[in-house]
Protein backbone atom coordinates (compact mmCIF):
# COMPACT_ATOMS: atom_id res chain seq x y z
CA MET A 1 39.30 -11.34 -7.09
CA PHE A 2 40.04 -9.90 -3.68
CA SER A 3 42.16 -6.71 -4.40
CA THR A 4 44.68 -5.67 -0.83
CA ALA A 5 42.81 -3.58 0.62
CA GLN A 6 39.30 -5.69 0.57
CA ILE A 7 41.78 -9.08 2.03
CA ASP A 8 43.34 -6.22 5.00
CA ARG A 9 40.20 -5.51 6.60
CA LEU A 10 38.94 -8.80 6.54
CA GLU A 11 41.26 -9.62 8.85
CA ALA A 12 41.60 -6.61 10.87
CA CYS A 13 37.37 -7.53 11.52
CA ALA A 14 38.12 -10.76 12.56
CA ARG A 15 41.46 -9.70 14.28
CA VAL A 16 39.71 -8.25 17.05
CA LEU A 17 36.89 -10.45 17.54
CA ASP A 18 36.72 -12.23 21.31
CA PRO A 19 36.77 -15.64 21.56
CA PRO A 20 34.42 -17.41 21.60
CA ALA A 21 33.78 -16.15 18.66
CA ARG A 22 31.94 -17.22 15.09
CA VAL A 23 32.56 -16.65 11.76
CA VAL A 24 29.94 -18.13 8.93
CA MET A 25 30.79 -17.91 5.67
CA THR A 26 28.83 -18.67 2.84
CA GLY A 27 27.80 -18.38 -0.18
CA SER A 28 30.29 -18.01 -2.88
CA VAL A 29 33.09 -18.01 -0.74
CA PRO A 30 36.27 -16.87 -2.61
CA PRO A 31 39.20 -19.11 -1.18
CA GLU A 32 41.39 -15.25 -0.51
CA ALA A 33 38.68 -14.43 2.19
CA VAL A 34 38.54 -17.82 3.81
CA ALA A 35 42.30 -17.43 4.49
CA ALA A 36 42.03 -13.10 5.50
CA ILE A 37 39.40 -14.21 8.21
CA ARG A 38 41.87 -17.14 9.14
CA ARG A 39 44.74 -15.29 9.29
CA GLY A 40 42.80 -12.97 11.35
CA ALA A 41 41.14 -15.05 14.02
CA GLY A 42 42.95 -15.76 17.00
CA ASP A 43 42.74 -18.91 19.31
CA GLY A 44 39.30 -19.80 20.31
CA VAL A 45 37.96 -17.80 17.45
CA GLU A 46 35.41 -20.32 15.50
CA VAL A 47 35.54 -19.76 11.31
CA LEU A 48 33.01 -22.07 9.69
CA VAL A 49 32.49 -21.64 5.57
CA VAL A 50 28.61 -23.29 5.11
CA GLY A 51 26.42 -24.36 2.56
CA THR A 52 23.21 -21.64 1.65
CA GLY A 53 21.27 -24.40 3.26
CA GLU A 54 23.24 -25.55 5.82
CA VAL A 55 21.90 -22.75 8.64
CA ALA A 56 20.23 -25.58 10.70
CA SER A 57 23.56 -27.04 11.03
CA VAL A 58 25.06 -23.41 13.07
CA GLU A 59 23.89 -23.33 16.34
CA GLY A 60 23.91 -20.18 18.11
CA SER A 61 24.23 -16.74 17.33
CA ILE A 62 27.43 -15.14 15.03
CA ASP A 63 30.01 -12.34 15.35
CA LEU A 64 30.47 -11.84 11.56
CA LEU A 65 28.62 -12.75 8.73
CA PHE A 66 30.46 -13.51 5.00
CA ILE A 67 28.10 -13.97 2.19
CA GLY A 68 29.39 -14.46 -0.86
CA PRO A 69 28.20 -14.57 -4.66
CA ALA A 70 24.69 -15.95 -5.34
CA ALA A 71 23.38 -15.35 -8.72
CA PRO A 72 20.35 -15.82 -9.12
CA TYR A 73 17.77 -13.76 -7.08
CA SER A 74 16.21 -16.26 -5.26
CA VAL A 75 19.26 -17.72 -3.75
CA ALA A 76 20.86 -14.19 -2.72
CA ALA A 77 17.52 -13.65 -0.71
CA GLU A 78 17.36 -17.25 1.04
CA LEU A 79 20.78 -16.17 2.18
CA PHE A 80 19.92 -12.73 3.74
CA ALA A 81 16.76 -14.46 5.06
CA ARG A 82 18.27 -17.30 6.73
CA TRP A 83 21.64 -16.00 8.01
CA SER A 84 21.52 -12.20 8.49
CA GLY A 85 18.82 -12.84 11.55
CA ARG A 86 21.41 -14.95 13.06
CA VAL A 87 24.15 -12.02 13.86
CA ALA A 88 24.68 -10.94 17.24
CA PRO A 89 23.83 -7.29 18.18
CA GLY A 90 27.54 -5.64 17.01
CA GLY A 91 28.55 -8.23 14.95
CA LEU A 92 29.12 -7.73 11.21
CA LEU A 93 27.76 -8.18 7.89
CA PHE A 94 30.14 -8.70 5.38
CA VAL A 95 28.98 -9.37 1.38
CA TYR A 96 30.68 -10.01 -1.63
CA GLY A 97 29.35 -8.76 -4.70
CA ALA A 98 27.32 -5.81 -3.28
CA PHE A 99 26.65 -3.28 -5.86
CA ALA A 100 28.46 -5.38 -8.33
CA THR A 101 25.77 -8.25 -9.16
CA PRO A 102 22.24 -7.19 -9.84
CA PRO A 103 20.38 -10.31 -8.29
CA LEU A 104 22.91 -10.19 -5.20
CA THR A 105 22.14 -5.90 -4.78
CA VAL A 106 19.01 -6.52 -5.54
CA ALA A 107 18.76 -8.88 -3.08
CA LEU A 108 20.25 -6.69 -0.01
CA LEU A 109 18.78 -3.64 -0.52
CA ARG A 110 15.78 -5.79 -0.05
CA ALA A 111 16.61 -7.64 2.59
CA ILE A 112 19.81 -5.15 4.89
CA GLY A 113 19.23 -1.34 3.12
CA VAL A 114 16.20 -0.70 3.91
CA SER A 115 16.32 -3.16 7.82
CA ARG A 116 16.01 -0.42 10.93
CA ALA A 117 18.39 -4.04 12.10
CA TRP A 118 21.53 -2.98 10.16
CA ARG A 119 23.90 0.47 10.07
CA TYR A 120 25.98 0.31 6.55
CA PHE A 121 29.60 0.77 7.58
CA GLY A 122 31.23 1.20 3.95
CA ARG A 123 32.67 -0.91 0.93
CA GLU A 124 36.38 -0.99 -0.56
CA GLY A 125 34.77 -2.02 -4.24
CA ALA A 126 32.06 -4.48 -4.15
CA LEU A 127 32.43 -5.87 -0.96
CA ALA A 128 30.57 -4.01 1.36
CA GLU A 129 29.86 -3.82 5.63
CA TYR A 130 27.39 -3.73 7.52
CA VAL A 131 26.96 -3.59 11.93
CA ARG A 132 23.66 -5.34 13.43
CA ALA A 133 22.47 -2.02 15.21
CA ASP A 134 19.18 -1.04 16.36
CA LEU A 135 18.37 2.39 13.86
CA THR A 136 16.25 5.29 14.24
CA HIS A 137 13.95 6.57 12.04
CA GLY A 138 16.82 9.59 11.16
CA GLU A 139 19.07 7.00 11.58
CA ARG A 140 18.24 5.55 8.81
CA VAL A 141 16.87 7.78 6.89
CA LEU A 142 21.30 8.47 6.42
CA ASP A 143 22.28 5.24 5.94
CA ALA A 144 19.51 4.48 3.14
CA MET A 145 20.90 7.48 1.28
CA ALA A 146 24.98 6.62 1.81
CA GLN A 147 23.57 3.26 0.39
CA LEU A 148 22.09 4.95 -2.38
CA ALA A 149 24.93 6.60 -3.11
CA GLN A 150 26.69 3.72 -3.80
CA LEU A 151 23.89 2.83 -6.70
CA ALA A 152 26.75 5.13 -9.20
CA TYR A 153 29.56 2.83 -8.92
CA PHE A 154 26.83 -0.32 -9.02
CA THR A 155 25.87 2.02 -12.85
CA ARG A 156 29.64 2.23 -13.52
CA ARG A 157 30.07 -1.06 -12.78
CA MET A 158 27.43 -2.15 -14.85
CA ALA A 159 28.09 0.27 -18.58
CA ARG A 160 31.79 -0.91 -18.34
CA ARG A 161 30.48 -5.02 -18.00
CA ARG A 162 28.53 -3.87 -20.86
CA PHE A 163 30.44 -2.47 -23.37
CA MET A 164 33.56 -5.02 -22.51
CA ARG A 165 31.00 -6.86 -23.35
CA GLY A 166 30.32 -5.10 -27.69
CA HIS A 167 34.47 -4.23 -27.69
CA VAL A 168 34.66 -8.55 -26.86
C-alpha cells in the first residue's frame, strides 16, 4: 500500500516531465502508482505499463522508469538488466520494494547500487529514487554510504516481519 508521501513524490516527479517524455512502469505495478503518475503527467507525456519481458515493444529512451516488486531474485535482476540502461541521462528510476524485500534489494544493490551510472536520491518507505548520472569515484563512495545507511531500515523491517509471523 502506498503512503500519501509516496504518491505525492511520484506525482510531483511526473509533473516536471516535459513532452514528449516517456514513463515506463513494469514489474508488479500497484494501481496507486499508475494513478499518481497519470495525474502528474501532462499532455504529451506517454505513460506505459508493460510486462517485464516487453522491453522490445518500447522504442527509444525512457525519462522515468518505475519498477515494482519482483518475487524471485532472477526476475528482479532481469528487470534491472533489461530496463535500467534505457533511461536517459538525468532520467529517474523509482523502485518500489527497495530495502523492503530481500530479492529486489539484493538485485537493486548489485545492478544499480554499485553502478557509476546511477545516483541514489532518497527513499520514502519502500519507494527508492535514483537519478541517471555519471558519478566520479568520490561520488560513488558517498552514494554507496548513503545506500548502506538504508540497510538499517531493511533490517528492522525484516525483523518486524519475522516477529509478526511468530506471534500470529
